[in-house]
PDB file of N, CA and C in Angstrom:
ATOM      1  N   MET A   1      74.032  30.023  29.233  1.00  0.00           N
ATOM      2  CA  MET A   1      75.218  30.174  29.944  1.00  0.00           C
ATOM      3  C   MET A   1      75.267  31.564  30.905  1.00  0.00           C
ATOM      4  N   THR A   2      75.457  31.418  32.374  1.00  0.00           N
ATOM      5  CA  THR A   2      75.428  32.453  32.912  1.00  0.00           C
ATOM      6  C   THR A   2      77.013  32.354  33.885  1.00  0.00           C
ATOM      7  N   ILE A   3      77.585  33.594  33.706  1.00  0.00           N
ATOM      8  CA  ILE A   3      78.751  33.749  34.054  1.00  0.00           C
ATOM      9  C   ILE A   3      78.996  34.809  35.365  1.00  0.00           C
ATOM     10  N   ASP A   4      79.325  34.084  36.263  1.00  0.00           N
ATOM     11  CA  ASP A   4      79.091  34.947  37.560  1.00  0.00           C
ATOM     12  C   ASP A   4      80.817  35.510  38.217  1.00  0.00           C
ATOM     13  N   TYR A   5      80.541  37.004  38.161  1.00  0.00           N
ATOM     14  CA  TYR A   5      81.818  37.350  38.649  1.00  0.00           C
ATOM     15  C   TYR A   5      81.940  38.317  39.943  1.00  0.00           C
ATOM     16  N   THR A   6      80.764  38.188  40.945  1.00  0.00           N
ATOM     17  CA  THR A   6      81.061  38.540  41.745  1.00  0.00           C
ATOM     18  C   THR A   6      81.794  38.657  42.647  1.00  0.00           C
ATOM     19  N   ASN A   7      82.765  37.211  42.936  1.00  0.00           N
ATOM     20  CA  ASN A   7      83.681  37.352  43.917  1.00  0.00           C
ATOM     21  C   ASN A   7      84.755  37.524  42.893  1.00  0.00           C
ATOM     22  N   LYS A   8      85.513  38.780  43.597  1.00  0.00           N
ATOM     23  CA  LYS A   8      86.676  39.020  43.290  1.00  0.00           C
ATOM     24  C   LYS A   8      88.093  38.196  43.058  1.00  0.00           C
ATOM     25  N   GLY A   9      88.439  37.761  41.959  1.00  0.00           N
ATOM     26  CA  GLY A   9      89.328  36.702  41.841  1.00  0.00           C
ATOM     27  C   GLY A   9      88.886  35.627  41.080  1.00  0.00           C
ATOM     28  N   LYS A  10      87.548  35.635  40.948  1.00  0.00           N
ATOM     29  CA  LYS A  10      86.900  33.836  40.824  1.00  0.00           C
ATOM     30  C   LYS A  10      85.946  34.247  39.780  1.00  0.00           C
ATOM     31  N   VAL A  11      85.722  33.223  38.870  1.00  0.00           N
ATOM     32  CA  VAL A  11      84.581  33.034  37.693  1.00  0.00           C
ATOM     33  C   VAL A  11      84.101  32.002  37.688  1.00  0.00           C
ATOM     34  N   LYS A  12      82.866  31.718  38.094  1.00  0.00           N
ATOM     35  CA  LYS A  12      81.604  30.916  38.191  1.00  0.00           C
ATOM     36  C   LYS A  12      81.354  30.910  36.782  1.00  0.00           C
ATOM     37  N   ILE A  13      80.756  29.647  36.616  1.00  0.00           N
ATOM     38  CA  ILE A  13      80.313  29.220  35.299  1.00  0.00           C
ATOM     39  C   ILE A  13      78.907  28.453  35.379  1.00  0.00           C
ATOM     40  N   PHE A  14      77.506  28.655  34.920  1.00  0.00           N
ATOM     41  CA  PHE A  14      76.718  27.837  35.539  1.00  0.00           C
ATOM     42  C   PHE A  14      75.774  27.554  34.096  1.00  0.00           C
ATOM     43  N   MET A  15      74.940  26.721  33.887  1.00  0.00           N
ATOM     44  CA  MET A  15      74.522  26.367  32.860  1.00  0.00           C
ATOM     45  C   MET A  15      73.152  25.645  33.176  1.00  0.00           C
ATOM     46  N   TYR A  16      72.464  26.257  34.027  1.00  0.00           N
ATOM     47  CA  TYR A  16      71.497  25.839  34.660  1.00  0.00           C
ATOM     48  C   TYR A  16      70.133  25.413  33.596  1.00  0.00           C
ATOM     49  N   GLU A  17      70.066  26.537  33.028  1.00  0.00           N
ATOM     50  CA  GLU A  17      68.906  26.548  31.937  1.00  0.00           C
ATOM     51  C   GLU A  17      69.391  25.665  30.733  1.00  0.00           C
ATOM     52  N   TYR A  18      70.458  25.241  30.531  1.00  0.00           N
ATOM     53  CA  TYR A  18      70.960  24.332  29.454  1.00  0.00           C
ATOM     54  C   TYR A  18      70.422  22.877  30.040  1.00  0.00           C
ATOM     55  N   ILE A  19      70.804  22.399  31.253  1.00  0.00           N
ATOM     56  CA  ILE A  19      70.568  21.386  31.959  1.00  0.00           C
ATOM     57  C   ILE A  19      68.765  20.904  32.046  1.00  0.00           C
ATOM     58  N   ASN A  20      68.658  22.290  32.544  1.00  0.00           N
ATOM     59  CA  ASN A  20      66.750  22.004  32.682  1.00  0.00           C
ATOM     60  C   ASN A  20      66.247  21.585  31.583  1.00  0.00           C
ATOM     61  N   LYS A  21      66.496  22.447  29.982  1.00  0.00           N
ATOM     62  CA  LYS A  21      65.952  22.471  28.851  1.00  0.00           C
ATOM     63  C   LYS A  21      66.345  20.612  28.507  1.00  0.00           C
ATOM     64  N   LEU A  22      67.763  20.319  28.883  1.00  0.00           N
ATOM     65  CA  LEU A  22      67.858  19.083  28.188  1.00  0.00           C
ATOM     66  C   LEU A  22      66.838  17.965  29.433  1.00  0.00           C
ATOM     67  N   LEU A  23      66.858  17.854  30.063  1.00  0.00           N
ATOM     68  CA  LEU A  23      66.063  16.867  31.240  1.00  0.00           C
ATOM     69  C   LEU A  23      64.909  17.242  30.505  1.00  0.00           C
ATOM     70  N   SER A  24      64.119  18.461  30.326  1.00  0.00           N
ATOM     71  CA  SER A  24      62.813  18.310  29.883  1.00  0.00           C
ATOM     72  C   SER A  24      62.469  17.689  28.635  1.00  0.00           C
ATOM     73  N   LYS A  25      63.458  17.014  28.095  1.00  0.00           N
ATOM     74  CA  LYS A  25      63.073  16.812  26.680  1.00  0.00           C
ATOM     75  C   LYS A  25      63.231  14.992  26.788  1.00  0.00           C
ATOM     76  N   LEU A  26      63.551  14.643  28.140  1.00  0.00           N
ATOM     77  CA  LEU A  26      63.741  12.766  28.229  1.00  0.00           C
ATOM     78  C   LEU A  26      62.241  12.637  28.263  1.00  0.00           C
ATOM     79  N   PRO A  27      62.059  11.158  27.447  1.00  0.00           N
ATOM     80  CA  PRO A  27      60.842  10.689  27.803  1.00  0.00           C
ATOM     81  C   PRO A  27      60.865  10.013  29.331  1.00  0.00           C
ATOM     82  N   LEU A  28      59.462   9.944  29.793  1.00  0.00           N
ATOM     83  CA  LEU A  28      59.275   9.411  31.311  1.00  0.00           C
ATOM     84  C   LEU A  28      59.922   8.166  31.705  1.00  0.00           C
ATOM     85  N   ASP A  29      60.092   7.016  30.690  1.00  0.00           N
ATOM     86  CA  ASP A  29      60.521   6.486  30.685  1.00  0.00           C
ATOM     87  C   ASP A  29      62.333   6.313  31.069  1.00  0.00           C
ATOM     88  N   MET A  30      62.823   7.342  30.514  1.00  0.00           N
ATOM     89  CA  MET A  30      64.340   7.643  30.804  1.00  0.00           C
ATOM     90  C   MET A  30      64.418   8.420  32.086  1.00  0.00           C
ATOM     91  N   ASP A  31      63.579   8.604  33.072  1.00  0.00           N
ATOM     92  CA  ASP A  31      63.695   9.308  34.133  1.00  0.00           C
ATOM     93  C   ASP A  31      64.289   8.297  35.220  1.00  0.00           C
ATOM     94  N   GLY A  32      65.405   8.865  35.953  1.00  0.00           N
ATOM     95  CA  GLY A  32      65.583   8.334  37.281  1.00  0.00           C
ATOM     96  C   GLY A  32      66.544   8.860  38.090  1.00  0.00           C
ATOM     97  N   VAL A  33      66.862   8.052  39.055  1.00  0.00           N
ATOM     98  CA  VAL A  33      68.261   8.383  39.472  1.00  0.00           C
ATOM     99  C   VAL A  33      68.797   7.460  39.891  1.00  0.00           C
ATOM    100  N   ALA A  34      70.348   7.577  40.348  1.00  0.00           N
ATOM    101  CA  ALA A  34      71.333   7.008  40.570  1.00  0.00           C
ATOM    102  C   ALA A  34      72.296   7.250  41.276  1.00  0.00           C
ATOM    103  N   ARG A  35      72.661   6.520  42.414  1.00  0.00           N
ATOM    104  CA  ARG A  35      73.828   6.869  43.276  1.00  0.00           C
ATOM    105  C   ARG A  35      75.173   7.116  42.733  1.00  0.00           C
ATOM    106  N   THR A  36      75.517   6.701  41.667  1.00  0.00           N
ATOM    107  CA  THR A  36      76.741   6.393  40.907  1.00  0.00           C
ATOM    108  C   THR A  36      76.175   6.661  39.537  1.00  0.00           C
ATOM    109  N   PRO A  37      77.343   7.205  38.999  1.00  0.00           N
ATOM    110  CA  PRO A  37      76.965   6.989  37.316  1.00  0.00           C
ATOM    111  C   PRO A  37      77.378   5.905  36.554  1.00  0.00           C
ATOM    112  N   THR A  38      77.789   4.587  37.151  1.00  0.00           N
ATOM    113  CA  THR A  38      78.148   3.745  36.488  1.00  0.00           C
ATOM    114  C   THR A  38      77.825   2.813  37.402  1.00  0.00           C
ATOM    115  N   VAL A  39      77.797   1.538  36.957  1.00  0.00           N
ATOM    116  CA  VAL A  39      77.635   0.192  37.751  1.00  0.00           C
ATOM    117  C   VAL A  39      78.441  -0.937  37.357  1.00  0.00           C
ATOM    118  N   GLU A  40      78.193  -2.032  38.146  1.00  0.00           N
ATOM    119  CA  GLU A  40      79.757  -2.925  37.739  1.00  0.00           C
ATOM    120  C   GLU A  40      79.294  -3.921  36.590  1.00  0.00           C
ATOM    121  N   HIS A  41      78.071  -3.989  36.236  1.00  0.00           N
ATOM    122  CA  HIS A  41      77.665  -4.459  34.770  1.00  0.00           C
ATOM    123  C   HIS A  41      77.512  -3.523  33.628  1.00  0.00           C
ATOM    124  N   LEU A  42      77.907  -2.514  33.508  1.00  0.00           N
ATOM    125  CA  LEU A  42      77.907  -1.366  32.641  1.00  0.00           C
ATOM    126  C   LEU A  42      78.436  -1.881  31.111  1.00  0.00           C
ATOM    127  N   PHE A  43      79.330  -2.751  30.906  1.00  0.00           N
ATOM    128  CA  PHE A  43      79.593  -2.723  29.743  1.00  0.00           C
ATOM    129  C   PHE A  43      79.597  -4.344  28.960  1.00  0.00           C
ATOM    130  N   ASN A  44      78.304  -5.108  29.946  1.00  0.00           N
ATOM    131  CA  ASN A  44      77.851  -6.398  29.736  1.00  0.00           C
ATOM    132  C   ASN A  44      76.908  -6.188  28.775  1.00  0.00           C
ATOM    133  N   VAL A  45      76.783  -6.882  27.783  1.00  0.00           N
ATOM    134  CA  VAL A  45      75.650  -6.775  26.444  1.00  0.00           C
ATOM    135  C   VAL A  45      74.768  -8.146  26.788  1.00  0.00           C
ATOM    136  N   SER A  46      73.646  -7.271  26.871  1.00  0.00           N
ATOM    137  CA  SER A  46      72.607  -7.942  26.887  1.00  0.00           C
ATOM    138  C   SER A  46      71.683  -8.257  25.830  1.00  0.00           C
ATOM    139  N   TYR A  47      71.816  -9.112  24.957  1.00  0.00           N
ATOM    140  CA  TYR A  47      71.392  -9.566  23.249  1.00  0.00           C
ATOM    141  C   TYR A  47      69.724  -9.379  23.499  1.00  0.00           C
ATOM    142  N   SER A  48      69.134 -10.130  24.826  1.00  0.00           N
ATOM    143  CA  SER A  48      67.991 -10.375  24.851  1.00  0.00           C
ATOM    144  C   SER A  48      67.056  -8.869  25.471  1.00  0.00           C
ATOM    145  N   ALA A  49      67.595  -7.664  25.544  1.00  0.00           N
ATOM    146  CA  ALA A  49      67.143  -6.774  26.099  1.00  0.00           C
ATOM    147  C   ALA A  49      66.616  -5.917  24.705  1.00  0.00           C
ATOM    148  N   ASP A  50      64.972  -5.329  24.924  1.00  0.00           N
ATOM    149  CA  ASP A  50      64.405  -4.371  24.169  1.00  0.00           C
ATOM    150  C   ASP A  50      65.069  -3.426  23.396  1.00  0.00           C
ATOM    151  N   MET A  51      65.709  -3.155  21.913  1.00  0.00           N
ATOM    152  CA  MET A  51      66.610  -1.956  21.595  1.00  0.00           C
ATOM    153  C   MET A  51      65.098  -0.772  21.459  1.00  0.00           C
ATOM    154  N   PHE A  52      65.941   0.139  21.599  1.00  0.00           N
ATOM    155  CA  PHE A  52      65.425   1.902  21.610  1.00  0.00           C
ATOM    156  C   PHE A  52      64.935   1.622  20.066  1.00  0.00           C
ATOM    157  N   ASP A  53      63.715   2.112  19.439  1.00  0.00           N
ATOM    158  CA  ASP A  53      63.015   2.641  18.324  1.00  0.00           C
ATOM    159  C   ASP A  53      63.721   3.836  17.839  1.00  0.00           C
ATOM    160  N   GLU A  54      64.169   3.916  16.271  1.00  0.00           N
ATOM    161  CA  GLU A  54      65.161   4.440  15.849  1.00  0.00           C
ATOM    162  C   GLU A  54      64.800   6.226  16.465  1.00  0.00           C
ATOM    163  N   ASP A  55      63.744   6.670  17.062  1.00  0.00           N
ATOM    164  CA  ASP A  55      63.388   7.977  17.190  1.00  0.00           C
ATOM    165  C   ASP A  55      64.324   8.215  18.564  1.00  0.00           C
ATOM    166  N   LYS A  56      63.630   7.298  19.393  1.00  0.00           N
ATOM    167  CA  LYS A  56      64.373   7.123  20.793  1.00  0.00           C
ATOM    168  C   LYS A  56      65.698   7.146  20.607  1.00  0.00           C
ATOM    169  N   ALA A  57      66.189   6.084  19.740  1.00  0.00           N
ATOM    170  CA  ALA A  57      67.897   6.028  19.828  1.00  0.00           C
ATOM    171  C   ALA A  57      68.835   7.323  19.286  1.00  0.00           C
ATOM    172  N   GLN A  58      68.024   8.004  18.768  1.00  0.00           N
ATOM    173  CA  GLN A  58      68.615   9.696  18.119  1.00  0.00           C
ATOM    174  C   GLN A  58      68.282  10.410  19.153  1.00  0.00           C
ATOM    175  N   LEU A  59      66.940  10.465  19.989  1.00  0.00           N
ATOM    176  CA  LEU A  59      67.229  11.448  21.313  1.00  0.00           C
ATOM    177  C   LEU A  59      67.776  10.809  22.049  1.00  0.00           C
ATOM    178  N   PHE A  60      68.277   9.535  22.197  1.00  0.00           N
ATOM    179  CA  PHE A  60      69.550   9.593  23.688  1.00  0.00           C
ATOM    180  C   PHE A  60      70.919  10.010  22.732  1.00  0.00           C
ATOM    181  N   ASP A  61      71.101   9.772  21.699  1.00  0.00           N
ATOM    182  CA  ASP A  61      72.285   9.942  21.124  1.00  0.00           C
ATOM    183  C   ASP A  61      72.685  11.737  21.258  1.00  0.00           C
ATOM    184  N   HIS A  62      71.383  12.198  20.868  1.00  0.00           N
ATOM    185  CA  HIS A  62      71.738  13.631  21.210  1.00  0.00           C
ATOM    186  C   HIS A  62      71.257  14.128  22.430  1.00  0.00           C
ATOM    187  N   ILE A  63      71.195  13.820  23.264  1.00  0.00           N
ATOM    188  CA  ILE A  63      71.283  14.305  24.846  1.00  0.00           C
ATOM    189  C   ILE A  63      72.451  13.499  25.364  1.00  0.00           C
ATOM    190  N   VAL A  64      73.153  12.636  25.014  1.00  0.00           N
ATOM    191  CA  VAL A  64      74.826  12.233  25.362  1.00  0.00           C
ATOM    192  C   VAL A  64      75.321  13.025  24.929  1.00  0.00           C
ATOM    193  N   ALA A  65      75.307  13.463  23.534  1.00  0.00           N
ATOM    194  CA  ALA A  65      76.376  14.791  23.156  1.00  0.00           C
ATOM    195  C   ALA A  65      76.506  15.810  23.793  1.00  0.00           C
ATOM    196  N   LYS A  66      75.250  16.324  24.282  1.00  0.00           N
ATOM    197  CA  LYS A  66      75.044  17.508  25.085  1.00  0.00           C
ATOM    198  C   LYS A  66      75.396  17.679  26.012  1.00  0.00           C
ATOM    199  N   LEU A  67      75.454  16.435  26.721  1.00  0.00           N
ATOM    200  CA  LEU A  67      76.002  15.947  28.244  1.00  0.00           C
ATOM    201  C   LEU A  67      77.649  16.087  28.017  1.00  0.00           C
ATOM    202  N   LEU A  68      78.175  15.268  27.074  1.00  0.00           N
ATOM    203  CA  LEU A  68      79.735  15.491  27.093  1.00  0.00           C
ATOM    204  C   LEU A  68      79.636  17.053  26.834  1.00  0.00           C
ATOM    205  N   TYR A  69      78.850  17.914  25.876  1.00  0.00           N
ATOM    206  CA  TYR A  69      79.416  19.540  25.559  1.00  0.00           C
ATOM    207  C   TYR A  69      79.387  20.363  27.356  1.00  0.00           C
ATOM    208  N   LEU A  70      78.417  19.622  27.695  1.00  0.00           N
ATOM    209  CA  LEU A  70      78.293  20.141  29.084  1.00  0.00           C
ATOM    210  C   LEU A  70      79.509  19.993  30.052  1.00  0.00           C
ATOM    211  N   SER A  71      79.867  18.775  30.091  1.00  0.00           N
ATOM    212  CA  SER A  71      81.017  18.313  30.853  1.00  0.00           C
ATOM    213  C   SER A  71      82.552  18.770  30.428  1.00  0.00           C
ATOM    214  N   LEU A  72      82.254  18.834  29.079  1.00  0.00           N
ATOM    215  CA  LEU A  72      83.613  19.602  28.448  1.00  0.00           C
ATOM    216  C   LEU A  72      83.908  21.070  28.594  1.00  0.00           C
ATOM    217  N   ARG A  73      83.031  21.761  28.706  1.00  0.00           N
ATOM    218  CA  ARG A  73      82.778  23.357  28.229  1.00  0.00           C
ATOM    219  C   ARG A  73      82.576  23.955  29.924  1.00  0.00           C
ATOM    220  N   CYS A  74      81.829  23.393  30.629  1.00  0.00           N
ATOM    221  CA  CYS A  74      81.252  24.197  31.566  1.00  0.00           C
ATOM    222  C   CYS A  74      81.880  23.406  32.951  1.00  0.00           C
ATOM    223  N   GLN A  75      80.873  22.102  33.447  1.00  0.00           N
ATOM    224  CA  GLN A  75      80.686  21.314  34.400  1.00  0.00           C
ATOM    225  C   GLN A  75      82.175  20.045  34.268  1.00  0.00           C
ATOM    226  N   GLN A  76      83.612  20.504  34.336  1.00  0.00           N
ATOM    227  CA  GLN A  76      84.782  20.045  33.942  1.00  0.00           C
ATOM    228  C   GLN A  76      84.854  18.667  35.232  1.00  0.00           C
ATOM    229  N   ASP A  77      84.325  19.173  36.271  1.00  0.00           N
ATOM    230  CA  ASP A  77      84.366  18.328  37.331  1.00  0.00           C
ATOM    231  C   ASP A  77      83.498  17.103  37.408  1.00  0.00           C
ATOM    232  N   ILE A  78      82.603  17.016  36.485  1.00  0.00           N
ATOM    233  CA  ILE A  78      81.979  16.001  36.455  1.00  0.00           C
ATOM    234  C   ILE A  78      82.372  14.621  35.548  1.00  0.00           C
ATOM    235  N   GLN A  79      83.260  14.959  35.003  1.00  0.00           N
ATOM    236  CA  GLN A  79      84.664  14.107  34.383  1.00  0.00           C
ATOM    237  C   GLN A  79      85.123  12.910  35.152  1.00  0.00           C
ATOM    238  N   LYS A  80      85.260  12.124  34.582  1.00  0.00           N
ATOM    239  CA  LYS A  80      86.095  11.023  35.557  1.00  0.00           C
ATOM    240  C   LYS A  80      87.414  11.102  35.212  1.00  0.00           C
ATOM    241  N   GLN A  81      88.333  11.530  36.310  1.00  0.00           N
ATOM    242  CA  GLN A  81      89.791  11.638  36.139  1.00  0.00           C
ATOM    243  C   GLN A  81      90.292  10.393  35.878  1.00  0.00           C
TER     244      GLN A  81
END
């Protein structure tokens, strides 16, 4: 975590290293870009979709937990209000 006090009366908190390390752990098939964090069909369940294997499911859960930590502790602006 980097805490920047260079502007008088303001504090900026950055976690770029944390984010880069987190993103570097993603498998190539989980890489991508999205215009928005959600889509209309987000909560539709597809029972014909392939499930993650146990290792990939644990990695996905681990990454989501780290992103939640990031959104709560540093980047509160990314939380939906």
